[in-house]
Amino acid sequence: MTAAFDLTIRNGTLSTASETFCADIGVSDGRISALAERLPPGKTDIDATGRWVLPGGVDSHTHIEQRSSSGVMCADDFASGTTSAAFGGTTTIMSFAAQHRGDSLTDVVADYHARAAAKAVVDYAFHLIISDPRPEVLDVELPALIDGGIRSFKVYMTYDKLKLDDGQLLEVMAVAQRERAMVMVHAENHEVIQWIARRLLDRGHRAPRFHAVAHAPVAEGEATHRVIALSTLLDQPLLIVHVSDPVAIGHIRAAQTLGVRVHGETCPQYLFLTADDIDKPGMDGAMWCCSPPPRDAAAQEAVWRGLQNGTLQLFSSDHAPYRFDASGKLPLGGDTTFKEMANGVPGIELRLPLLFSEGVMAGRITVNEFVALTATNHARMYGLHPRKGTLAVGSDADIVLWDPTRRTTVDWSMLHDNVGYTPYAGRELRGWPATVIRRGEVIVDGGRLNAAPGSGRYLRCDVPQPLRIERPAPPERRLFS
């Protein structure tokens, strides 16, 4: 008798962004074809007893095989970066095709397609980084790329070679408004950061810890308020990325309360690191430097509250991997100042385990909120839902079986990126993605990768679905004892 399904997952507890229930999953041709109380075994049959069965993670903020504006190449290419994602329970990534000034957007995207197609082991989509909004870019290239399925782009309010002024920001937003695309914003006031940095360097303060001093909270708060105000001129949906500052969170929440279509994203470094981590002897603190920088314990609590009350709706890695050597963090070796270091920290593999452990297992968020923050909201925001980010008949069979009993002490030797260190070393985590399934294929199990380079597929994004801002009463959060 022929099996009804290519794959079945039986006896598990399933959670989506909205509900938790017991059911079996039947998979045919890479998609979920049945959800029922009892299903017959498939050609491949997985017993999920004692496991939490969740949608594969969607990480919509990664920098992979990307050259920075200062010419430094990321440590991870699409092979190591997507392998690391898979082992961490992420089955879809969105990475940036980065335009530098003078570049053709069309050529940039073609280059990234070629790199990813040959190497990726999870499915992937692209955002654009726009640093040179010339008329031909905005009027010709950008609309064509949006029509081709890249419907989101990031702009910067800081960095000498990336920043756009307010007029340029409005020009980009106008294209997005007309073409129904999403604008992502790195919101920090460039002039404030430069003013502080000059005075620090003039006084001989060169160490990595002064990176956090220069990137003062007021720079993030002011820029967040300003770009939200600009977006209201066009009623253009906006996502403020990697939010770290309580004042910035307050601006986002206040705007949401007034009906402004602004969303917020945060990352592991703002929940699990502080500025004290950057204050290490010698150059070691450079390993913890990113922009905006980690702040203090009070800011961490504000970020947790933002996740819990719906102000911050996306939890991404902002995986920006640079090695701790002259090829990455330290271009001038021991003479590198805080202004010359490559900014960014790795996190693609630990994004989900960190939030599962310290969010779900610690009772700060429910498992349904975990799914929303790490998968469903990303897929909705960028036009990939319901193909990605949920467990539903017709959705891609991107499924992760979590072992909530496993305890893991983090060390870089257990990870699969090419960075050489992890900022989260020594942290003990509860819960781990034990089995990872991409489009019905088991790609990670028993600590082994079972996916060939290039087996990940490119995803065209549909029109973004800005998320509803809801203010529910806090639910009972603790799910595990």
Protein backbone atom coordinates (compact mmCIF):
# COMPACT_ATOMS: atom_id res chain seq x y z
CA MET A 1 0.00 0.00 0.00
CA THR A 2 1.42 3.40 -0.99
CA ALA A 3 1.91 5.88 1.84
CA ALA A 4 -0.46 8.83 1.71
CA PHE A 5 2.28 11.36 2.57
CA ASP A 6 5.93 11.90 1.79
CA LEU A 7 6.48 12.81 5.46
CA THR A 8 4.43 12.68 8.62
CA ILE A 9 5.18 14.26 11.98
CA ARG A 10 3.09 12.60 14.64
CA ASN A 11 2.37 12.96 18.37
CA GLY A 12 3.70 16.48 18.72
CA THR A 13 2.38 19.67 20.28
CA LEU A 14 2.00 22.30 17.55
CA SER A 15 2.10 26.05 18.03
CA THR A 16 1.40 28.86 15.62
CA ALA A 17 1.26 32.59 16.33
CA SER A 18 -2.35 32.23 17.49
CA GLU A 19 -2.94 28.77 18.94
CA THR A 20 -1.41 25.64 20.45
CA PHE A 21 -2.89 22.20 19.76
CA CYS A 22 -2.04 18.54 19.39
CA ALA A 23 -2.10 17.20 15.83
CA ASP A 24 -0.21 15.19 13.25
CA ILE A 25 1.20 16.85 10.14
CA GLY A 26 1.13 15.30 6.68
CA VAL A 27 3.51 16.62 4.02
CA SER A 28 3.28 16.09 0.26
CA ASP A 29 5.44 17.68 -2.43
CA GLY A 30 7.15 19.95 0.08
CA ARG A 31 3.97 21.47 1.49
CA ILE A 32 1.72 20.75 4.43
CA SER A 33 -1.20 18.77 3.00
CA ALA A 34 -2.96 17.65 6.20
CA LEU A 35 -3.33 18.60 9.85
CA ALA A 36 -5.37 16.06 11.78
CA GLU A 37 -5.64 14.34 15.12
CA ARG A 38 -4.32 11.10 13.71
CA LEU A 39 -2.63 10.47 10.38
CA PRO A 40 -1.15 7.24 8.96
CA PRO A 41 2.64 7.03 8.74
CA GLY A 42 4.23 8.61 5.67
CA LYS A 43 7.17 7.41 3.62
CA THR A 44 9.23 9.14 6.28
CA ASP A 45 7.64 9.13 9.72
CA ILE A 46 8.82 11.25 12.64
CA ASP A 47 7.63 10.67 16.19
CA ALA A 48 7.48 14.10 17.83
CA THR A 49 6.52 12.89 21.30
CA GLY A 50 7.90 15.36 23.85
CA ARG A 51 8.71 17.92 21.17
CA TRP A 52 7.27 21.36 20.40
CA VAL A 53 6.49 21.51 16.70
CA LEU A 54 6.87 25.08 15.45
CA PRO A 55 7.16 26.83 12.08
CA GLY A 56 10.69 27.25 10.80
CA GLY A 57 12.17 30.59 11.77
CA VAL A 58 12.21 33.51 9.35
CA ASP A 59 15.15 35.86 9.92
CA SER A 60 14.46 39.02 7.95
CA HIS A 61 17.60 40.95 8.89
CA THR A 62 20.89 39.32 7.92
CA HIS A 63 24.08 40.59 6.29
CA ILE A 64 25.65 37.70 4.40
CA GLU A 65 28.48 37.83 1.86
CA GLN A 66 28.14 41.60 1.98
CA ARG A 67 30.89 44.18 1.68
CA SER A 68 30.58 47.08 4.10
CA SER A 69 30.77 50.72 3.05
CA SER A 70 34.38 50.74 4.30
CA GLY A 71 35.27 47.76 2.10
CA VAL A 72 35.27 44.98 4.72
CA MET A 73 33.71 41.67 3.64
CA CYS A 74 31.50 39.76 6.07
CA ALA A 75 32.94 36.55 7.49
CA ASP A 76 30.02 34.43 6.28
CA ASP A 77 29.16 33.61 2.70
CA PHE A 78 25.82 32.08 1.72
CA ALA A 79 27.14 28.58 2.48
CA SER A 80 28.28 29.16 6.07
CA GLY A 81 25.62 31.77 6.82
CA THR A 82 22.65 29.65 5.76
CA THR A 83 24.12 26.51 7.32
CA SER A 84 24.36 28.39 10.60
CA ALA A 85 20.77 29.56 10.16
CA ALA A 86 19.56 26.00 9.58
CA PHE A 87 21.23 24.63 12.71
CA GLY A 88 19.55 27.40 14.68
CA GLY A 89 16.07 26.51 13.46
CA THR A 90 15.77 29.20 10.76
CA THR A 91 14.54 27.94 7.39
CA THR A 92 14.14 31.29 5.59
CA ILE A 93 16.47 34.27 5.60
CA MET A 94 16.27 37.70 4.06
CA SER A 95 19.65 39.26 3.31
CA PHE A 96 20.67 42.65 1.95
CA ALA A 97 21.81 43.36 -1.58
CA ALA A 98 23.88 46.42 -0.73
CA GLN A 99 24.29 49.31 -3.12
CA HIS A 100 27.36 51.47 -2.63
CA ARG A 101 27.53 54.91 -4.17
CA GLY A 102 27.94 54.71 -7.93
CA ASP A 103 26.61 51.13 -8.12
CA SER A 104 23.79 50.04 -10.36
CA LEU A 105 21.07 48.41 -8.24
CA THR A 106 20.37 45.99 -11.08
CA ASP A 107 23.99 44.82 -11.17
CA VAL A 108 24.14 44.54 -7.38
CA VAL A 109 21.09 42.28 -7.28
CA ALA A 110 22.39 40.09 -10.12
CA ASP A 111 25.64 39.60 -8.20
CA TYR A 112 23.83 38.58 -5.00
CA HIS A 113 21.59 36.17 -6.91
CA ALA A 114 24.64 34.43 -8.33
CA ARG A 115 26.31 34.15 -4.92
CA ALA A 116 23.25 32.81 -3.11
CA ALA A 117 21.99 30.42 -5.80
CA ALA A 118 25.16 28.35 -5.70
CA LYS A 119 25.50 28.11 -1.91
CA ALA A 120 22.32 28.61 0.13
CA VAL A 121 20.88 25.65 2.05
CA VAL A 122 17.77 27.47 3.30
CA ASP A 123 15.28 29.53 1.31
CA TYR A 124 16.10 33.19 0.89
CA ALA A 125 14.83 36.55 -0.27
CA PHE A 126 16.51 39.93 -0.62
CA HIS A 127 16.10 43.46 0.64
CA LEU A 128 17.95 46.33 -0.99
CA ILE A 129 20.25 48.84 0.69
CA ILE A 130 19.92 52.18 -1.07
CA SER A 131 22.81 54.58 -0.56
CA ASP A 132 22.74 56.42 -3.90
CA PRO A 133 19.17 57.45 -4.79
CA ARG A 134 19.99 59.00 -8.16
CA PRO A 135 17.04 59.68 -10.50
CA GLU A 136 17.79 56.65 -12.67
CA VAL A 137 17.89 54.46 -9.55
CA LEU A 138 14.59 55.73 -8.16
CA ASP A 139 12.74 56.11 -11.46
CA VAL A 140 13.93 53.06 -13.38
CA GLU A 141 15.90 50.45 -11.44
CA LEU A 142 14.01 50.44 -8.17
CA PRO A 143 10.49 50.07 -9.64
CA ALA A 144 11.71 47.22 -11.87
CA LEU A 145 13.27 45.38 -8.92
CA ILE A 146 10.15 45.86 -6.83
CA ASP A 147 8.08 44.42 -9.67
CA GLY A 148 10.51 41.49 -9.73
CA GLY A 149 9.81 40.56 -6.12
CA ILE A 150 12.16 42.65 -3.95
CA ARG A 151 9.66 44.79 -2.10
CA SER A 152 11.66 46.17 0.83
CA PHE A 153 14.70 48.35 1.16
CA LYS A 154 16.85 49.76 3.91
CA VAL A 155 18.09 53.32 4.24
CA TYR A 156 20.57 54.79 6.71
CA MET A 157 20.52 58.02 8.66
CA THR A 158 24.18 57.59 9.66
CA TYR A 159 27.57 56.40 8.28
CA ASP A 160 29.42 58.76 5.94
CA LYS A 161 29.08 56.58 2.84
CA LEU A 162 25.52 55.38 3.43
CA LYS A 163 23.51 58.16 5.06
CA LEU A 164 20.66 59.90 3.27
CA ASP A 165 19.46 63.38 4.16
CA ASP A 166 15.82 64.09 4.94
CA GLY A 167 15.01 65.06 1.35
CA GLN A 168 16.52 61.83 0.02
CA LEU A 169 14.62 59.82 2.63
CA LEU A 170 11.39 61.39 1.40
CA GLU A 171 12.27 60.59 -2.21
CA VAL A 172 12.80 56.92 -1.33
CA MET A 173 9.58 56.83 0.71
CA ALA A 174 7.68 58.34 -2.21
CA VAL A 175 8.76 55.47 -4.47
CA ALA A 176 7.82 52.96 -1.78
CA GLN A 177 4.43 54.58 -1.31
CA ARG A 178 3.72 54.48 -5.04
CA GLU A 179 5.01 50.93 -5.57
CA ARG A 180 3.66 49.44 -2.29
CA ALA A 181 7.00 48.56 -0.75
CA MET A 182 8.36 48.58 2.82
CA VAL A 183 11.04 51.02 3.99
CA MET A 184 13.44 49.88 6.72
CA VAL A 185 15.41 52.55 8.57
CA HIS A 186 18.66 52.53 10.53
CA ALA A 187 17.74 55.46 12.77
CA GLU A 188 20.69 57.26 14.40
CA ASN A 189 21.53 60.96 14.17
CA HIS A 190 24.80 61.09 12.23
CA GLU A 191 25.83 64.59 13.32
CA VAL A 192 25.39 63.78 17.02
CA ILE A 193 27.55 60.67 16.70
CA GLN A 194 30.24 62.50 14.74
CA TRP A 195 30.28 65.42 17.19
CA ILE A 196 30.83 63.13 20.18
CA ALA A 197 33.35 60.93 18.35
CA ARG A 198 35.55 63.86 17.33
CA ARG A 199 35.79 65.06 20.91
CA LEU A 200 36.57 61.59 22.21
CA LEU A 201 39.36 61.06 19.68
CA ASP A 202 40.77 64.54 20.30
CA ARG A 203 41.14 63.57 23.95
CA GLY A 204 42.86 60.26 23.13
CA HIS A 205 39.88 57.99 23.79
CA ARG A 206 40.36 55.31 21.12
CA ALA A 207 39.33 52.04 22.81
CA PRO A 208 36.32 49.98 21.68
CA ARG A 209 34.25 50.98 24.72
CA PHE A 210 34.02 54.54 23.41
CA HIS A 211 31.96 53.25 20.48
CA ALA A 212 29.04 52.98 22.90
CA VAL A 213 29.72 56.48 24.21
CA ALA A 214 29.73 58.01 20.73
CA HIS A 215 26.51 56.26 19.72
CA ALA A 216 24.60 57.98 22.50
CA PRO A 217 20.95 57.03 23.13
CA VAL A 218 19.84 60.54 22.16
CA ALA A 219 21.10 59.93 18.62
CA GLU A 220 18.77 56.94 18.24
CA GLY A 221 15.84 58.63 19.95
CA GLU A 222 16.02 61.81 17.86
CA ALA A 223 16.43 60.01 14.54
CA THR A 224 13.56 57.65 15.31
CA HIS A 225 11.24 60.55 16.08
CA ARG A 226 12.33 62.43 12.95
CA VAL A 227 11.92 59.60 10.46
CA ILE A 228 8.50 58.71 11.88
CA ALA A 229 7.48 62.33 11.33
CA LEU A 230 8.75 62.18 7.74
CA SER A 231 6.79 59.00 7.06
CA THR A 232 3.52 60.64 8.10
CA LEU A 233 3.85 63.11 5.23
CA LEU A 234 3.27 60.25 2.81
CA ASP A 235 1.47 57.79 5.11
CA GLN A 236 4.23 55.33 4.19
CA PRO A 237 4.59 52.17 6.35
CA LEU A 238 7.94 52.12 8.09
CA LEU A 239 10.06 49.65 10.04
CA ILE A 240 12.63 50.96 12.50
CA VAL A 241 15.28 48.24 12.67
CA HIS A 242 17.47 47.07 15.57
CA VAL A 243 15.80 49.24 18.21
CA SER A 244 17.79 49.45 21.46
CA ASP A 245 16.78 52.65 23.27
CA PRO A 246 13.82 53.19 25.64
CA VAL A 247 13.15 56.68 24.21
CA ALA A 248 13.07 55.31 20.66
CA ILE A 249 10.67 52.59 21.81
CA GLY A 250 8.50 55.28 23.35
CA HIS A 251 8.40 57.25 20.09
CA ILE A 252 7.38 54.12 18.17
CA ARG A 253 4.65 53.26 20.66
CA ALA A 254 3.30 56.81 20.75
CA ALA A 255 3.12 56.90 16.95
CA GLN A 256 1.37 53.54 16.84
CA THR A 257 -1.19 54.79 19.34
CA LEU A 258 -1.96 57.66 16.97
CA GLY A 259 -2.45 55.25 14.07
CA VAL A 260 0.89 55.84 12.33
CA ARG A 261 1.97 52.74 10.41
CA VAL A 262 5.34 52.31 12.08
CA HIS A 263 6.77 49.02 13.26
CA GLY A 264 9.73 48.12 15.43
CA GLU A 265 12.35 45.38 15.29
CA THR A 266 14.92 44.37 17.87
CA CYS A 267 17.73 41.81 18.10
CA PRO A 268 19.46 39.47 20.58
CA GLN A 269 22.25 41.94 21.39
CA TYR A 270 19.74 44.33 22.97
CA LEU A 271 18.30 41.67 25.27
CA PHE A 272 21.45 39.78 26.22
CA LEU A 273 24.39 42.22 25.99
CA THR A 274 25.14 45.59 27.58
CA ALA A 275 27.72 48.33 27.13
CA ASP A 276 29.73 46.66 29.91
CA ASP A 277 30.50 43.82 27.49
CA ILE A 278 32.31 46.29 25.23
CA ASP A 279 34.47 47.51 28.12
CA LYS A 280 37.11 44.77 27.83
CA PRO A 281 40.92 44.99 28.07
CA GLY A 282 42.83 45.92 24.93
CA MET A 283 40.88 45.46 21.71
CA ASP A 284 38.68 42.58 22.92
CA GLY A 285 35.65 44.84 23.32
CA ALA A 286 35.51 45.22 19.54
CA MET A 287 33.88 41.79 19.38
CA TRP A 288 30.77 43.26 21.02
CA CYS A 289 30.56 46.47 18.97
CA CYS A 290 27.52 47.05 16.78
CA SER A 291 25.32 50.01 15.90
CA PRO A 292 23.30 50.97 17.79
CA PRO A 293 25.38 49.53 20.64
CA PRO A 294 24.06 47.46 23.53
CA ARG A 295 23.00 49.82 26.32
CA ASP A 296 22.29 49.03 29.98
CA ALA A 297 20.06 46.78 32.09
CA ALA A 298 17.23 49.33 32.10
CA ALA A 299 17.29 49.44 28.30
CA GLN A 300 17.18 45.63 28.19
CA GLU A 301 14.02 45.66 30.29
CA ALA A 302 12.49 48.30 28.02
CA VAL A 303 13.17 46.08 25.01
CA TRP A 304 11.56 43.10 26.74
CA ARG A 305 8.50 45.24 27.49
CA GLY A 306 8.41 46.35 23.86
CA LEU A 307 8.28 42.72 22.75
CA GLN A 308 5.65 41.82 25.33
CA ASN A 309 3.28 44.71 24.62
CA GLY A 310 3.51 44.57 20.83
CA THR A 311 5.47 47.76 20.20
CA LEU A 312 8.34 45.70 18.79
CA GLN A 313 6.93 43.04 16.48
CA LEU A 314 10.02 41.50 14.89
CA PHE A 315 12.95 39.73 16.52
CA SER A 316 15.78 39.45 13.98
CA SER A 317 19.45 38.57 14.28
CA ASP A 318 20.98 41.51 12.40
CA HIS A 319 23.70 38.94 11.74
CA ALA A 320 26.67 41.11 10.72
CA PRO A 321 29.63 38.75 11.09
CA TYR A 322 33.20 40.04 11.13
CA ARG A 323 36.25 38.11 12.25
CA PHE A 324 38.35 39.47 15.09
CA ASP A 325 41.37 40.23 12.91
CA ALA A 326 42.59 42.56 10.17
CA SER A 327 40.04 41.12 7.71
CA GLY A 328 37.18 42.28 9.90
CA LYS A 329 36.99 44.03 13.23
CA LEU A 330 40.57 45.29 13.35
CA PRO A 331 41.66 46.66 9.94
CA LEU A 332 44.62 48.47 11.59
CA GLY A 333 45.36 45.80 14.17
CA GLY A 334 46.05 47.18 17.63
CA ASP A 335 46.01 50.74 16.27
CA THR A 336 42.35 50.49 15.21
CA THR A 337 40.18 53.14 16.87
CA PHE A 338 36.54 52.70 17.77
CA LYS A 339 35.65 54.67 14.62
CA GLU A 340 37.56 52.28 12.34
CA MET A 341 36.23 48.95 13.63
CA ALA A 342 33.74 46.97 11.57
CA ASN A 343 30.36 47.31 13.28
CA GLY A 344 28.28 44.20 13.80
CA VAL A 345 27.89 41.00 15.81
CA PRO A 346 26.98 37.45 14.78
CA GLY A 347 23.70 35.91 15.90
CA ILE A 348 21.95 33.98 13.12
CA GLU A 349 22.30 30.57 14.79
CA LEU A 350 21.52 31.64 18.37
CA ARG A 351 18.64 34.04 17.65
CA LEU A 352 15.94 31.44 18.23
CA PRO A 353 17.58 29.43 21.05
CA LEU A 354 18.27 32.64 23.03
CA LEU A 355 14.68 33.87 22.81
CA PHE A 356 13.21 30.40 23.37
CA SER A 357 15.30 29.96 26.52
CA GLU A 358 15.04 33.41 28.05
CA GLY A 359 11.62 34.28 26.64
CA VAL A 360 9.47 31.15 26.51
CA MET A 361 11.19 28.97 29.10
CA ALA A 362 11.65 31.87 31.50
CA GLY A 363 7.98 32.84 31.17
CA ARG A 364 8.53 36.29 29.65
CA ILE A 365 6.62 35.47 26.44
CA THR A 366 4.31 32.67 25.33
CA VAL A 367 5.30 30.15 22.72
CA ASN A 368 2.72 31.76 20.40
CA GLU A 369 4.39 35.15 20.84
CA PHE A 370 7.72 33.44 20.13
CA VAL A 371 6.38 32.12 16.81
CA ALA A 372 4.99 35.54 15.89
CA LEU A 373 8.20 37.38 16.76
CA THR A 374 10.54 34.96 15.02
CA ALA A 375 8.55 33.72 12.01
CA THR A 376 4.96 34.77 11.31
CA ASN A 377 5.36 38.54 11.63
CA HIS A 378 8.43 38.48 9.38
CA ALA A 379 6.57 36.53 6.70
CA ARG A 380 3.59 38.90 6.88
CA MET A 381 5.70 42.04 6.91
CA TYR A 382 7.56 41.09 3.74
CA GLY A 383 4.88 39.38 1.67
CA LEU A 384 5.88 35.74 2.28
CA HIS A 385 2.84 34.67 4.32
CA PRO A 386 1.16 32.14 4.33
CA ARG A 387 3.80 30.32 2.28
CA LYS A 388 6.24 30.87 5.13
CA GLY A 389 5.98 31.48 8.85
CA THR A 390 3.08 29.25 9.87
CA LEU A 391 1.77 25.68 10.11
CA ALA A 392 -1.23 25.54 7.77
CA VAL A 393 -2.46 23.37 4.92
CA GLY A 394 -0.86 24.73 1.75
CA SER A 395 2.12 26.34 3.51
CA ASP A 396 5.65 25.20 2.81
CA ALA A 397 6.58 22.39 5.19
CA ASP A 398 9.21 24.43 7.05
CA ILE A 399 9.01 22.86 10.49
CA VAL A 400 11.24 22.69 13.55
CA LEU A 401 10.99 20.16 16.36
CA TRP A 402 12.16 21.76 19.59
CA ASP A 403 13.46 19.78 22.56
CA PRO A 404 12.43 21.86 25.61
CA THR A 405 14.41 19.64 28.00
CA ARG A 406 17.84 20.10 26.44
CA ARG A 407 20.32 22.35 28.25
CA THR A 408 23.18 23.77 26.22
CA THR A 409 26.16 25.90 27.26
CA VAL A 410 27.07 28.13 24.34
CA ASP A 411 30.55 27.94 22.85
CA TRP A 412 31.62 29.03 19.38
CA SER A 413 33.00 25.53 18.65
CA MET A 414 29.42 24.22 18.52
CA LEU A 415 28.28 26.82 15.98
CA HIS A 416 28.51 26.78 12.19
CA ASP A 417 29.34 30.35 11.19
CA ASN A 418 32.78 31.50 10.09
CA VAL A 419 33.25 34.26 12.66
CA GLY A 420 35.57 32.63 15.20
CA TYR A 421 33.76 33.77 18.34
CA THR A 422 30.29 34.31 19.76
CA PRO A 423 29.24 37.19 22.04
CA TYR A 424 27.06 34.74 23.97
CA ALA A 425 29.75 32.24 25.01
CA GLY A 426 29.18 30.67 28.41
CA ARG A 427 25.44 31.31 28.52
CA GLU A 428 23.35 28.25 29.42
CA LEU A 429 20.22 27.87 27.31
CA ARG A 430 17.12 25.75 27.90
CA GLY A 431 15.56 24.24 24.81
CA TRP A 432 17.08 23.60 21.39
CA PRO A 433 15.97 22.96 17.78
CA ALA A 434 16.53 19.21 17.47
CA THR A 435 15.19 18.54 13.97
CA VAL A 436 14.87 21.10 11.16
CA ILE A 437 12.73 20.50 8.09
CA ARG A 438 12.81 22.68 4.96
CA ARG A 439 10.02 22.15 2.43
CA GLY A 440 9.45 18.63 3.72
CA GLU A 441 13.12 17.62 3.73
CA VAL A 442 14.94 16.94 6.99
CA ILE A 443 17.98 19.18 6.62
CA VAL A 444 19.27 19.07 10.23
CA ASP A 445 18.97 16.10 12.56
CA GLY A 446 21.28 14.50 15.06
CA GLY A 447 23.70 17.39 14.71
CA ARG A 448 24.25 16.74 10.99
CA LEU A 449 23.45 18.81 7.92
CA ASN A 450 21.60 16.94 5.16
CA ALA A 451 21.28 19.70 2.56
CA ALA A 452 23.41 20.36 -0.48
CA PRO A 453 24.78 23.83 -1.28
CA GLY A 454 22.39 25.56 -3.64
CA SER A 455 19.34 23.58 -2.48
CA GLY A 456 17.81 26.71 -0.92
CA ARG A 457 15.34 28.52 -3.17
CA TYR A 458 14.96 32.19 -3.97
CA LEU A 459 11.65 33.70 -2.84
CA ARG A 460 9.84 36.51 -4.64
CA CYS A 461 8.09 38.71 -2.10
CA ASP A 462 4.51 39.82 -2.55
CA VAL A 463 3.07 43.15 -1.37
CA PRO A 464 4.03 43.67 2.32
CA GLN A 465 1.31 43.17 4.91
CA PRO A 466 1.88 45.79 7.64
CA LEU A 467 0.97 44.28 10.98
CA ARG A 468 -2.02 45.27 13.05
CA ILE A 469 -1.07 47.04 16.25
CA GLU A 470 -2.93 45.36 19.08
CA ARG A 471 -2.82 46.08 22.79
CA PRO A 472 -4.08 42.87 24.42
CA ALA A 473 -4.14 42.32 28.16
CA PRO A 474 -0.96 40.48 29.24
CA PRO A 475 -1.59 36.71 29.01
CA GLU A 476 -0.36 34.05 31.38
CA ARG A 477 3.15 33.53 29.99
CA ARG A 478 4.69 30.58 31.77
CA LEU A 479 4.24 27.40 29.73
CA PHE A 480 6.90 25.19 31.24
CA SER A 481 7.84 24.47 34.81
